[in-house]
Amino acid sequence: MSFSERLKKSRIEKGLSKSELAKEISVHYSQIGRYENKGSIPSADVLQKIANVLGISSDYLLNGTTDDLAESTLADKELLNQFKAIEQFSDEDKNVVKVFLDAFITKRRIQKLAQ
């Protein structure tokens, strides 16, 4: 799903017309149409205002869900599923996994430097 599609979907879910959203963020309603229909991307300031009004993050608007982003950037699906499972752990268990990963990554970096 593109920025335009996420914006339109979020606006509709919030029950706002283009005019209402435009008024909330102090832009002309036609600008919302450009964002939704022509693929224009707002400035960072306007993006943040839109996100605040819609009650979502600007990151979601630009990149989609965390899962969407992870799936598009992480090629190893088994690893992705393992990370998703770890998200369900307690904070204490998550920290143990993070410490283990950090130690393993550090070990590999040291091995590369020693070669």
PDB file of N, CA and C in Angstrom:
ATOM      1  N   MET A   1       0.849  -1.177   0.000  1.00  0.00           N
ATOM      2  CA  MET A   1       0.000   0.000   0.000  1.00  0.00           C
ATOM      3  C   MET A   1       0.895   1.241   0.000  1.00  0.00           C
ATOM      4  N   SER A   2       0.557   2.213  -0.794  1.00  0.00           N
ATOM      5  CA  SER A   2       1.369   3.421  -0.944  1.00  0.00           C
ATOM      6  C   SER A   2       0.989   4.480   0.096  1.00  0.00           C
ATOM      7  N   PHE A   3       1.807   5.521   0.160  1.00  0.00           N
ATOM      8  CA  PHE A   3       1.509   6.648   1.040  1.00  0.00           C
ATOM      9  C   PHE A   3       0.107   7.173   0.760  1.00  0.00           C
ATOM     10  N   SER A   4      -0.203   7.379  -0.517  1.00  0.00           N
ATOM     11  CA  SER A   4      -1.507   7.916  -0.912  1.00  0.00           C
ATOM     12  C   SER A   4      -2.645   7.049  -0.384  1.00  0.00           C
ATOM     13  N   GLU A   5      -2.494   5.749  -0.550  1.00  0.00           N
ATOM     14  CA  GLU A   5      -3.536   4.817  -0.114  1.00  0.00           C
ATOM     15  C   GLU A   5      -3.675   4.793   1.411  1.00  0.00           C
ATOM     16  N   ARG A   6      -2.530   4.819   2.117  1.00  0.00           N
ATOM     17  CA  ARG A   6      -2.585   4.820   3.588  1.00  0.00           C
ATOM     18  C   ARG A   6      -3.219   6.104   4.100  1.00  0.00           C
ATOM     19  N   LEU A   7      -2.894   7.225   3.468  1.00  0.00           N
ATOM     20  CA  LEU A   7      -3.474   8.502   3.879  1.00  0.00           C
ATOM     21  C   LEU A   7      -4.987   8.485   3.696  1.00  0.00           C
ATOM     22  N   LYS A   8      -5.432   8.089   2.517  1.00  0.00           N
ATOM     23  CA  LYS A   8      -6.867   8.079   2.228  1.00  0.00           C
ATOM     24  C   LYS A   8      -7.599   7.123   3.170  1.00  0.00           C
ATOM     25  N   LYS A   9      -7.065   5.940   3.349  1.00  0.00           N
ATOM     26  CA  LYS A   9      -7.676   4.940   4.230  1.00  0.00           C
ATOM     27  C   LYS A   9      -7.768   5.470   5.654  1.00  0.00           C
ATOM     28  N   SER A  10      -6.704   6.069   6.155  1.00  0.00           N
ATOM     29  CA  SER A  10      -6.670   6.589   7.518  1.00  0.00           C
ATOM     30  C   SER A  10      -7.644   7.755   7.691  1.00  0.00           C
ATOM     31  N   ARG A  11      -7.710   8.617   6.695  1.00  0.00           N
ATOM     32  CA  ARG A  11      -8.626   9.759   6.748  1.00  0.00           C
ATOM     33  C   ARG A  11     -10.065   9.281   6.809  1.00  0.00           C
ATOM     34  N   ILE A  12     -10.403   8.326   5.969  1.00  0.00           N
ATOM     35  CA  ILE A  12     -11.765   7.795   5.932  1.00  0.00           C
ATOM     36  C   ILE A  12     -12.097   7.077   7.236  1.00  0.00           C
ATOM     37  N   GLU A  13     -11.149   6.294   7.745  1.00  0.00           N
ATOM     38  CA  GLU A  13     -11.373   5.595   9.013  1.00  0.00           C
ATOM     39  C   GLU A  13     -11.607   6.572  10.162  1.00  0.00           C
ATOM     40  N   LYS A  14     -10.973   7.724  10.075  1.00  0.00           N
ATOM     41  CA  LYS A  14     -11.136   8.761  11.105  1.00  0.00           C
ATOM     42  C   LYS A  14     -12.448   9.529  10.897  1.00  0.00           C
ATOM     43  N   GLY A  15     -13.086   9.321   9.746  1.00  0.00           N
ATOM     44  CA  GLY A  15     -14.361   9.969   9.467  1.00  0.00           C
ATOM     45  C   GLY A  15     -14.232  11.416   9.025  1.00  0.00           C
ATOM     46  N   LEU A  16     -13.110  11.737   8.407  1.00  0.00           N
ATOM     47  CA  LEU A  16     -12.869  13.110   7.967  1.00  0.00           C
ATOM     48  C   LEU A  16     -12.963  13.217   6.448  1.00  0.00           C
ATOM     49  N   SER A  17     -13.541  14.319   5.988  1.00  0.00           N
ATOM     50  CA  SER A  17     -13.511  14.619   4.559  1.00  0.00           C
ATOM     51  C   SER A  17     -12.160  15.246   4.239  1.00  0.00           C
ATOM     52  N   LYS A  18     -11.855  15.384   2.974  1.00  0.00           N
ATOM     53  CA  LYS A  18     -10.617  16.066   2.576  1.00  0.00           C
ATOM     54  C   LYS A  18     -10.617  17.491   3.112  1.00  0.00           C
ATOM     55  N   SER A  19     -11.759  18.149   3.023  1.00  0.00           N
ATOM     56  CA  SER A  19     -11.874  19.534   3.503  1.00  0.00           C
ATOM     57  C   SER A  19     -11.639  19.633   5.000  1.00  0.00           C
ATOM     58  N   GLU A  20     -12.185  18.687   5.740  1.00  0.00           N
ATOM     59  CA  GLU A  20     -12.020  18.709   7.198  1.00  0.00           C
ATOM     60  C   GLU A  20     -10.567  18.485   7.586  1.00  0.00           C
ATOM     61  N   LEU A  21      -9.922  17.518   6.941  1.00  0.00           N
ATOM     62  CA  LEU A  21      -8.512  17.273   7.237  1.00  0.00           C
ATOM     63  C   LEU A  21      -7.678  18.497   6.868  1.00  0.00           C
ATOM     64  N   ALA A  22      -7.960  19.071   5.695  1.00  0.00           N
ATOM     65  CA  ALA A  22      -7.219  20.251   5.247  1.00  0.00           C
ATOM     66  C   ALA A  22      -7.346  21.395   6.252  1.00  0.00           C
ATOM     67  N   LYS A  23      -8.548  21.611   6.745  1.00  0.00           N
ATOM     68  CA  LYS A  23      -8.777  22.682   7.717  1.00  0.00           C
ATOM     69  C   LYS A  23      -7.987  22.436   9.001  1.00  0.00           C
ATOM     70  N   GLU A  24      -7.956  21.175   9.436  1.00  0.00           N
ATOM     71  CA  GLU A  24      -7.236  20.814  10.668  1.00  0.00           C
ATOM     72  C   GLU A  24      -5.729  21.086  10.557  1.00  0.00           C
ATOM     73  N   ILE A  25      -5.180  20.918   9.356  1.00  0.00           N
ATOM     74  CA  ILE A  25      -3.729  21.077   9.201  1.00  0.00           C
ATOM     75  C   ILE A  25      -3.344  22.368   8.494  1.00  0.00           C
ATOM     76  N   SER A  26      -4.341  23.204   8.239  1.00  0.00           N
ATOM     77  CA  SER A  26      -4.116  24.529   7.650  1.00  0.00           C
ATOM     78  C   SER A  26      -3.526  24.488   6.235  1.00  0.00           C
ATOM     79  N   VAL A  27      -4.113  23.633   5.390  1.00  0.00           N
ATOM     80  CA  VAL A  27      -3.774  23.636   3.964  1.00  0.00           C
ATOM     81  C   VAL A  27      -5.080  23.685   3.178  1.00  0.00           C
ATOM     82  N   HIS A  28      -4.998  23.978   1.892  1.00  0.00           N
ATOM     83  CA  HIS A  28      -6.181  23.990   1.035  1.00  0.00           C
ATOM     84  C   HIS A  28      -6.602  22.546   0.781  1.00  0.00           C
ATOM     85  N   TYR A  29      -7.910  22.295   0.704  1.00  0.00           N
ATOM     86  CA  TYR A  29      -8.403  20.926   0.526  1.00  0.00           C
ATOM     87  C   TYR A  29      -7.868  20.268  -0.746  1.00  0.00           C
ATOM     88  N   SER A  30      -7.581  21.057  -1.758  1.00  0.00           N
ATOM     89  CA  SER A  30      -7.061  20.476  -2.999  1.00  0.00           C
ATOM     90  C   SER A  30      -5.688  19.825  -2.776  1.00  0.00           C
ATOM     91  N   GLN A  31      -4.963  20.314  -1.767  1.00  0.00           N
ATOM     92  CA  GLN A  31      -3.655  19.722  -1.463  1.00  0.00           C
ATOM     93  C   GLN A  31      -3.822  18.283  -0.958  1.00  0.00           C
ATOM     94  N   ILE A  32      -4.867  18.034  -0.184  1.00  0.00           N
ATOM     95  CA  ILE A  32      -5.128  16.669   0.284  1.00  0.00           C
ATOM     96  C   ILE A  32      -5.382  15.763  -0.928  1.00  0.00           C
ATOM     97  N   GLY A  33      -6.114  16.282  -1.914  1.00  0.00           N
ATOM     98  CA  GLY A  33      -6.343  15.534  -3.146  1.00  0.00           C
ATOM     99  C   GLY A  33      -5.041  15.206  -3.866  1.00  0.00           C
ATOM    100  N   ARG A  34      -4.110  16.141  -3.848  1.00  0.00           N
ATOM    101  CA  ARG A  34      -2.807  15.882  -4.485  1.00  0.00           C
ATOM    102  C   ARG A  34      -2.065  14.761  -3.753  1.00  0.00           C
ATOM    103  N   TYR A  35      -2.159  14.787  -2.420  1.00  0.00           N
ATOM    104  CA  TYR A  35      -1.501  13.729  -1.643  1.00  0.00           C
ATOM    105  C   TYR A  35      -2.142  12.370  -1.912  1.00  0.00           C
ATOM    106  N   GLU A  36      -3.470  12.354  -1.990  1.00  0.00           N
ATOM    107  CA  GLU A  36      -4.183  11.086  -2.122  1.00  0.00           C
ATOM    108  C   GLU A  36      -4.257  10.573  -3.557  1.00  0.00           C
ATOM    109  N   ASN A  37      -4.298  11.454  -4.525  1.00  0.00           N
ATOM    110  CA  ASN A  37      -4.546  11.022  -5.903  1.00  0.00           C
ATOM    111  C   ASN A  37      -3.364  11.174  -6.846  1.00  0.00           C
ATOM    112  N   LYS A  38      -2.468  12.077  -6.551  1.00  0.00           N
ATOM    113  CA  LYS A  38      -1.376  12.345  -7.493  1.00  0.00           C
ATOM    114  C   LYS A  38      -0.009  11.940  -6.969  1.00  0.00           C
ATOM    115  N   GLY A  39       0.019  11.377  -5.763  1.00  0.00           N
ATOM    116  CA  GLY A  39       1.275  10.874  -5.230  1.00  0.00           C
ATOM    117  C   GLY A  39       2.198  11.921  -4.645  1.00  0.00           C
ATOM    118  N   SER A  40       1.684  13.137  -4.433  1.00  0.00           N
ATOM    119  CA  SER A  40       2.519  14.165  -3.802  1.00  0.00           C
ATOM    120  C   SER A  40       2.795  13.766  -2.356  1.00  0.00           C
ATOM    121  N   ILE A  41       3.966  14.110  -1.881  1.00  0.00           N
ATOM    122  CA  ILE A  41       4.350  13.836  -0.496  1.00  0.00           C
ATOM    123  C   ILE A  41       4.477  15.177   0.227  1.00  0.00           C
ATOM    124  N   PRO A  42       3.835  15.319   1.371  1.00  0.00           N
ATOM    125  CA  PRO A  42       3.900  16.593   2.092  1.00  0.00           C
ATOM    126  C   PRO A  42       5.266  16.823   2.730  1.00  0.00           C
ATOM    127  N   SER A  43       5.493  18.067   3.095  1.00  0.00           N
ATOM    128  CA  SER A  43       6.712  18.394   3.844  1.00  0.00           C
ATOM    129  C   SER A  43       6.660  17.674   5.188  1.00  0.00           C
ATOM    130  N   ALA A  44       7.793  17.591   5.850  1.00  0.00           N
ATOM    131  CA  ALA A  44       7.854  16.911   7.147  1.00  0.00           C
ATOM    132  C   ALA A  44       6.907  17.542   8.156  1.00  0.00           C
ATOM    133  N   ASP A  45       6.824  18.863   8.139  1.00  0.00           N
ATOM    134  CA  ASP A  45       5.945  19.575   9.067  1.00  0.00           C
ATOM    135  C   ASP A  45       4.480  19.220   8.821  1.00  0.00           C
ATOM    136  N   VAL A  46       4.064  19.251   7.574  1.00  0.00           N
ATOM    137  CA  VAL A  46       2.675  18.927   7.224  1.00  0.00           C
ATOM    138  C   VAL A  46       2.402  17.451   7.481  1.00  0.00           C
ATOM    139  N   LEU A  47       3.365  16.593   7.174  1.00  0.00           N
ATOM    140  CA  LEU A  47       3.214  15.164   7.425  1.00  0.00           C
ATOM    141  C   LEU A  47       2.942  14.905   8.904  1.00  0.00           C
ATOM    142  N   GLN A  48       3.691  15.580   9.763  1.00  0.00           N
ATOM    143  CA  GLN A  48       3.506  15.402  11.205  1.00  0.00           C
ATOM    144  C   GLN A  48       2.128  15.893  11.639  1.00  0.00           C
ATOM    145  N   LYS A  49       1.663  17.000  11.070  1.00  0.00           N
ATOM    146  CA  LYS A  49       0.323  17.505  11.395  1.00  0.00           C
ATOM    147  C   LYS A  49      -0.746  16.505  10.967  1.00  0.00           C
ATOM    148  N   ILE A  50      -0.600  15.945   9.779  1.00  0.00           N
ATOM    149  CA  ILE A  50      -1.559  14.949   9.292  1.00  0.00           C
ATOM    150  C   ILE A  50      -1.586  13.748  10.237  1.00  0.00           C
ATOM    151  N   ALA A  51      -0.413  13.255  10.578  1.00  0.00           N
ATOM    152  CA  ALA A  51      -0.321  12.093  11.465  1.00  0.00           C
ATOM    153  C   ALA A  51      -0.984  12.379  12.809  1.00  0.00           C
ATOM    154  N   ASN A  52      -0.747  13.563  13.347  1.00  0.00           N
ATOM    155  CA  ASN A  52      -1.339  13.919  14.639  1.00  0.00           C
ATOM    156  C   ASN A  52      -2.857  13.953  14.562  1.00  0.00           C
ATOM    157  N   VAL A  53      -3.387  14.572  13.519  1.00  0.00           N
ATOM    158  CA  VAL A  53      -4.844  14.666  13.363  1.00  0.00           C
ATOM    159  C   VAL A  53      -5.454  13.279  13.193  1.00  0.00           C
ATOM    160  N   LEU A  54      -4.786  12.414  12.449  1.00  0.00           N
ATOM    161  CA  LEU A  54      -5.319  11.080  12.182  1.00  0.00           C
ATOM    162  C   LEU A  54      -5.021  10.082  13.296  1.00  0.00           C
ATOM    163  N   GLY A  55      -4.181  10.488  14.250  1.00  0.00           N
ATOM    164  CA  GLY A  55      -3.860   9.614  15.372  1.00  0.00           C
ATOM    165  C   GLY A  55      -2.992   8.428  14.992  1.00  0.00           C
ATOM    166  N   ILE A  56      -2.098   8.651  14.039  1.00  0.00           N
ATOM    167  CA  ILE A  56      -1.179   7.612  13.584  1.00  0.00           C
ATOM    168  C   ILE A  56       0.223   8.205  13.509  1.00  0.00           C
ATOM    169  N   SER A  57       1.209   7.373  13.234  1.00  0.00           N
ATOM    170  CA  SER A  57       2.568   7.893  13.135  1.00  0.00           C
ATOM    171  C   SER A  57       2.879   8.308  11.703  1.00  0.00           C
ATOM    172  N   SER A  58       3.765   9.275  11.574  1.00  0.00           N
ATOM    173  CA  SER A  58       4.196   9.679  10.235  1.00  0.00           C
ATOM    174  C   SER A  58       4.964   8.534   9.572  1.00  0.00           C
ATOM    175  N   ASP A  59       5.635   7.724  10.365  1.00  0.00           N
ATOM    176  CA  ASP A  59       6.345   6.563   9.826  1.00  0.00           C
ATOM    177  C   ASP A  59       5.366   5.594   9.170  1.00  0.00           C
ATOM    178  N   TYR A  60       4.218   5.370   9.819  1.00  0.00           N
ATOM    179  CA  TYR A  60       3.214   4.497   9.220  1.00  0.00           C
ATOM    180  C   TYR A  60       2.754   5.071   7.882  1.00  0.00           C
ATOM    181  N   LEU A  61       2.484   6.381   7.841  1.00  0.00           N
ATOM    182  CA  LEU A  61       2.024   6.986   6.587  1.00  0.00           C
ATOM    183  C   LEU A  61       3.039   6.793   5.467  1.00  0.00           C
ATOM    184  N   LEU A  62       4.295   6.987   5.770  1.00  0.00           N
ATOM    185  CA  LEU A  62       5.326   6.886   4.738  1.00  0.00           C
ATOM    186  C   LEU A  62       5.699   5.449   4.391  1.00  0.00           C
ATOM    187  N   ASN A  63       5.771   4.585   5.402  1.00  0.00           N
ATOM    188  CA  ASN A  63       6.335   3.254   5.193  1.00  0.00           C
ATOM    189  C   ASN A  63       5.376   2.095   5.393  1.00  0.00           C
ATOM    190  N   GLY A  64       4.207   2.332   5.951  1.00  0.00           N
ATOM    191  CA  GLY A  64       3.280   1.250   6.241  1.00  0.00           C
ATOM    192  C   GLY A  64       3.503   0.715   7.641  1.00  0.00           C
ATOM    193  N   THR A  65       2.967  -0.455   7.907  1.00  0.00           N
ATOM    194  CA  THR A  65       3.092  -1.041   9.230  1.00  0.00           C
ATOM    195  C   THR A  65       4.505  -1.529   9.463  1.00  0.00           C
ATOM    196  N   THR A  66       4.829  -1.766  10.689  1.00  0.00           N
ATOM    197  CA  THR A  66       6.133  -2.312  11.032  1.00  0.00           C
ATOM    198  C   THR A  66       6.317  -3.649  10.345  1.00  0.00           C
ATOM    199  N   ASP A  67       5.253  -4.461  10.320  1.00  0.00           N
ATOM    200  CA  ASP A  67       5.340  -5.753   9.647  1.00  0.00           C
ATOM    201  C   ASP A  67       5.579  -5.583   8.154  1.00  0.00           C
ATOM    202  N   ASP A  68       4.863  -4.636   7.525  1.00  0.00           N
ATOM    203  CA  ASP A  68       5.065  -4.378   6.094  1.00  0.00           C
ATOM    204  C   ASP A  68       6.505  -3.990   5.820  1.00  0.00           C
ATOM    205  N   LEU A  69       7.014  -3.096   6.653  1.00  0.00           N
ATOM    206  CA  LEU A  69       8.375  -2.618   6.474  1.00  0.00           C
ATOM    207  C   LEU A  69       9.381  -3.750   6.689  1.00  0.00           C
ATOM    208  N   ALA A  70       9.182  -4.532   7.742  1.00  0.00           N
ATOM    209  CA  ALA A  70      10.096  -5.636   8.034  1.00  0.00           C
ATOM    210  C   ALA A  70      10.082  -6.658   6.908  1.00  0.00           C
ATOM    211  N   GLU A  71       8.894  -7.001   6.430  1.00  0.00           N
ATOM    212  CA  GLU A  71       8.792  -8.007   5.367  1.00  0.00           C
ATOM    213  C   GLU A  71       9.425  -7.537   4.069  1.00  0.00           C
ATOM    214  N   SER A  72       9.395  -6.233   3.830  1.00  0.00           N
ATOM    215  CA  SER A  72       9.974  -5.733   2.581  1.00  0.00           C
ATOM    216  C   SER A  72      11.491  -5.582   2.661  1.00  0.00           C
ATOM    217  N   THR A  73      12.042  -5.551   3.877  1.00  0.00           N
ATOM    218  CA  THR A  73      13.484  -5.352   4.006  1.00  0.00           C
ATOM    219  C   THR A  73      14.231  -6.575   4.519  1.00  0.00           C
ATOM    220  N   LEU A  74      13.539  -7.502   5.164  1.00  0.00           N
ATOM    221  CA  LEU A  74      14.187  -8.679   5.727  1.00  0.00           C
ATOM    222  C   LEU A  74      13.891  -9.885   4.836  1.00  0.00           C
ATOM    223  N   ALA A  75      14.913 -10.380   4.160  1.00  0.00           N
ATOM    224  CA  ALA A  75      14.726 -11.457   3.184  1.00  0.00           C
ATOM    225  C   ALA A  75      14.525 -12.814   3.849  1.00  0.00           C
ATOM    226  N   ASP A  76      15.113 -13.022   5.013  1.00  0.00           N
ATOM    227  CA  ASP A  76      15.035 -14.311   5.700  1.00  0.00           C
ATOM    228  C   ASP A  76      13.715 -14.380   6.477  1.00  0.00           C
ATOM    229  N   LYS A  77      12.726 -15.063   5.890  1.00  0.00           N
ATOM    230  CA  LYS A  77      11.383 -15.121   6.488  1.00  0.00           C
ATOM    231  C   LYS A  77      11.381 -15.879   7.811  1.00  0.00           C
ATOM    232  N   GLU A  78      12.240 -16.892   7.952  1.00  0.00           N
ATOM    233  CA  GLU A  78      12.319 -17.626   9.218  1.00  0.00           C
ATOM    234  C   GLU A  78      12.799 -16.699  10.333  1.00  0.00           C
ATOM    235  N   LEU A  79      13.793 -15.881  10.022  1.00  0.00           N
ATOM    236  CA  LEU A  79      14.298 -14.920  10.996  1.00  0.00           C
ATOM    237  C   LEU A  79      13.219 -13.894  11.345  1.00  0.00           C
ATOM    238  N   LEU A  80      12.481 -13.430  10.346  1.00  0.00           N
ATOM    239  CA  LEU A  80      11.387 -12.496  10.584  1.00  0.00           C
ATOM    240  C   LEU A  80      10.357 -13.102  11.527  1.00  0.00           C
ATOM    241  N   ASN A  81       9.994 -14.359  11.311  1.00  0.00           N
ATOM    242  CA  ASN A  81       9.026 -15.025  12.179  1.00  0.00           C
ATOM    243  C   ASN A  81       9.567 -15.178  13.597  1.00  0.00           C
ATOM    244  N   GLN A  82      10.862 -15.423  13.713  1.00  0.00           N
ATOM    245  CA  GLN A  82      11.465 -15.523  15.037  1.00  0.00           C
ATOM    246  C   GLN A  82      11.415 -14.176  15.760  1.00  0.00           C
ATOM    247  N   PHE A  83      11.692 -13.094  15.048  1.00  0.00           N
ATOM    248  CA  PHE A  83      11.615 -11.767  15.661  1.00  0.00           C
ATOM    249  C   PHE A  83      10.183 -11.447  16.091  1.00  0.00           C
ATOM    250  N   LYS A  84       9.218 -11.847  15.276  1.00  0.00           N
ATOM    251  CA  LYS A  84       7.812 -11.630  15.649  1.00  0.00           C
ATOM    252  C   LYS A  84       7.463 -12.392  16.923  1.00  0.00           C
ATOM    253  N   ALA A  85       7.976 -13.619  17.043  1.00  0.00           N
ATOM    254  CA  ALA A  85       7.725 -14.412  18.250  1.00  0.00           C
ATOM    255  C   ALA A  85       8.372 -13.759  19.471  1.00  0.00           C
ATOM    256  N   ILE A  86       9.562 -13.228  19.292  1.00  0.00           N
ATOM    257  CA  ILE A  86      10.277 -12.585  20.399  1.00  0.00           C
ATOM    258  C   ILE A  86       9.534 -11.359  20.893  1.00  0.00           C
ATOM    259  N   GLU A  87       8.830 -10.667  19.993  1.00  0.00           N
ATOM    260  CA  GLU A  87       8.059  -9.488  20.395  1.00  0.00           C
ATOM    261  C   GLU A  87       7.011  -9.818  21.456  1.00  0.00           C
ATOM    262  N   GLN A  88       6.602 -11.074  21.533  1.00  0.00           N
ATOM    263  CA  GLN A  88       5.592 -11.489  22.501  1.00  0.00           C
ATOM    264  C   GLN A  88       6.192 -11.805  23.877  1.00  0.00           C
ATOM    265  N   PHE A  89       7.513 -11.854  23.956  1.00  0.00           N
ATOM    266  CA  PHE A  89       8.190 -12.173  25.214  1.00  0.00           C
ATOM    267  C   PHE A  89       8.021 -11.039  26.221  1.00  0.00           C
ATOM    268  N   SER A  90       8.299 -11.355  27.470  1.00  0.00           N
ATOM    269  CA  SER A  90       8.329 -10.319  28.507  1.00  0.00           C
ATOM    270  C   SER A  90       9.521  -9.407  28.232  1.00  0.00           C
ATOM    271  N   ASP A  91       9.499  -8.205  28.797  1.00  0.00           N
ATOM    272  CA  ASP A  91      10.608  -7.269  28.597  1.00  0.00           C
ATOM    273  C   ASP A  91      11.927  -7.870  29.071  1.00  0.00           C
ATOM    274  N   GLU A  92      11.884  -8.614  30.153  1.00  0.00           N
ATOM    275  CA  GLU A  92      13.098  -9.229  30.694  1.00  0.00           C
ATOM    276  C   GLU A  92      13.661 -10.254  29.700  1.00  0.00           C
ATOM    277  N   ASP A  93      12.793 -11.089  29.148  1.00  0.00           N
ATOM    278  CA  ASP A  93      13.248 -12.084  28.174  1.00  0.00           C
ATOM    279  C   ASP A  93      13.742 -11.420  26.890  1.00  0.00           C
ATOM    280  N   LYS A  94      13.078 -10.346  26.465  1.00  0.00           N
ATOM    281  CA  LYS A  94      13.535  -9.619  25.278  1.00  0.00           C
ATOM    282  C   LYS A  94      14.948  -9.088  25.498  1.00  0.00           C
ATOM    283  N   ASN A  95      15.205  -8.566  26.689  1.00  0.00           N
ATOM    284  CA  ASN A  95      16.538  -8.030  26.988  1.00  0.00           C
ATOM    285  C   ASN A  95      17.596  -9.124  26.946  1.00  0.00           C
ATOM    286  N   VAL A  96      17.254 -10.324  27.402  1.00  0.00           N
ATOM    287  CA  VAL A  96      18.198 -11.448  27.338  1.00  0.00           C
ATOM    288  C   VAL A  96      18.544 -11.750  25.880  1.00  0.00           C
ATOM    289  N   VAL A  97      17.531 -11.793  25.015  1.00  0.00           N
ATOM    290  CA  VAL A  97      17.757 -12.060  23.599  1.00  0.00           C
ATOM    291  C   VAL A  97      18.616 -10.954  22.987  1.00  0.00           C
ATOM    292  N   LYS A  98      18.339  -9.698  23.336  1.00  0.00           N
ATOM    293  CA  LYS A  98      19.116  -8.572  22.806  1.00  0.00           C
ATOM    294  C   LYS A  98      20.580  -8.657  23.233  1.00  0.00           C
ATOM    295  N   VAL A  99      20.816  -9.010  24.486  1.00  0.00           N
ATOM    296  CA  VAL A  99      22.191  -9.145  24.977  1.00  0.00           C
ATOM    297  C   VAL A  99      22.900 -10.260  24.211  1.00  0.00           C
ATOM    298  N   PHE A 100      22.212 -11.374  24.016  1.00  0.00           N
ATOM    299  CA  PHE A 100      22.794 -12.490  23.267  1.00  0.00           C
ATOM    300  C   PHE A 100      23.133 -12.067  21.842  1.00  0.00           C
ATOM    301  N   LEU A 101      22.180 -11.395  21.164  1.00  0.00           N
ATOM    302  CA  LEU A 101      22.427 -10.944  19.789  1.00  0.00           C
ATOM    303  C   LEU A 101      23.588  -9.967  19.722  1.00  0.00           C
ATOM    304  N   ASP A 102      23.618  -9.012  20.652  1.00  0.00           N
ATOM    305  CA  ASP A 102      24.723  -8.047  20.688  1.00  0.00           C
ATOM    306  C   ASP A 102      26.063  -8.756  20.856  1.00  0.00           C
ATOM    307  N   ALA A 103      26.113  -9.750  21.746  1.00  0.00           N
ATOM    308  CA  ALA A 103      27.355 -10.484  21.973  1.00  0.00           C
ATOM    309  C   ALA A 103      27.770 -11.243  20.716  1.00  0.00           C
ATOM    310  N   PHE A 104      26.829 -11.874  20.051  1.00  0.00           N
ATOM    311  CA  PHE A 104      27.137 -12.626  18.830  1.00  0.00           C
ATOM    312  C   PHE A 104      27.617 -11.706  17.717  1.00  0.00           C
ATOM    313  N   ILE A 105      26.953 -10.580  17.556  1.00  0.00           N
ATOM    314  CA  ILE A 105      27.354  -9.601  16.529  1.00  0.00           C
ATOM    315  C   ILE A 105      28.746  -9.061  16.821  1.00  0.00           C
ATOM    316  N   THR A 106      29.006  -8.741  18.072  1.00  0.00           N
ATOM    317  CA  THR A 106      30.331  -8.245  18.470  1.00  0.00           C
ATOM    318  C   THR A 106      31.397  -9.293  18.190  1.00  0.00           C
ATOM    319  N   LYS A 107      31.113 -10.567  18.507  1.00  0.00           N
ATOM    320  CA  LYS A 107      32.049 -11.648  18.254  1.00  0.00           C
ATOM    321  C   LYS A 107      32.376 -11.736  16.756  1.00  0.00           C
ATOM    322  N   ARG A 108      31.371 -11.657  15.900  1.00  0.00           N
ATOM    323  CA  ARG A 108      31.591 -11.729  14.454  1.00  0.00           C
ATOM    324  C   ARG A 108      32.419 -10.542  13.960  1.00  0.00           C
ATOM    325  N   ARG A 109      32.155  -9.374  14.494  1.00  0.00           N
ATOM    326  CA  ARG A 109      32.926  -8.196  14.078  1.00  0.00           C
ATOM    327  C   ARG A 109      34.392  -8.343  14.471  1.00  0.00           C
ATOM    328  N   ILE A 110      34.628  -8.858  15.637  1.00  0.00           N
ATOM    329  CA  ILE A 110      36.005  -9.058  16.099  1.00  0.00           C
ATOM    330  C   ILE A 110      36.699 -10.113  15.221  1.00  0.00           C
ATOM    331  N   GLN A 111      35.970 -11.156  14.869  1.00  0.00           N
ATOM    332  CA  GLN A 111      36.545 -12.177  13.992  1.00  0.00           C
ATOM    333  C   GLN A 111      36.915 -11.596  12.635  1.00  0.00           C
ATOM    334  N   LYS A 112      36.073 -10.739  12.097  1.00  0.00           N
ATOM    335  CA  LYS A 112      36.372 -10.108  10.805  1.00  0.00           C
ATOM    336  C   LYS A 112      37.602  -9.215  10.897  1.00  0.00           C
ATOM    337  N   LEU A 113      37.730  -8.495  11.997  1.00  0.00           N
ATOM    338  CA  LEU A 113      38.885  -7.615  12.176  1.00  0.00           C
ATOM    339  C   LEU A 113      40.177  -8.422  12.304  1.00  0.00           C
ATOM    340  N   ALA A 114      40.080  -9.619  12.893  1.00  0.00           N
ATOM    341  CA  ALA A 114      41.260 -10.441  13.111  1.00  0.00           C
ATOM    342  C   ALA A 114      41.746 -11.123  11.830  1.00  0.00           C
ATOM    343  N   GLN A 115      40.918 -11.148  10.818  1.00  0.00           N
ATOM    344  CA  GLN A 115      41.296 -11.848   9.570  1.00  0.00           C
ATOM    345  C   GLN A 115      42.271 -11.058   8.756  1.00  0.00           C
TER     346      GLN A 115
END
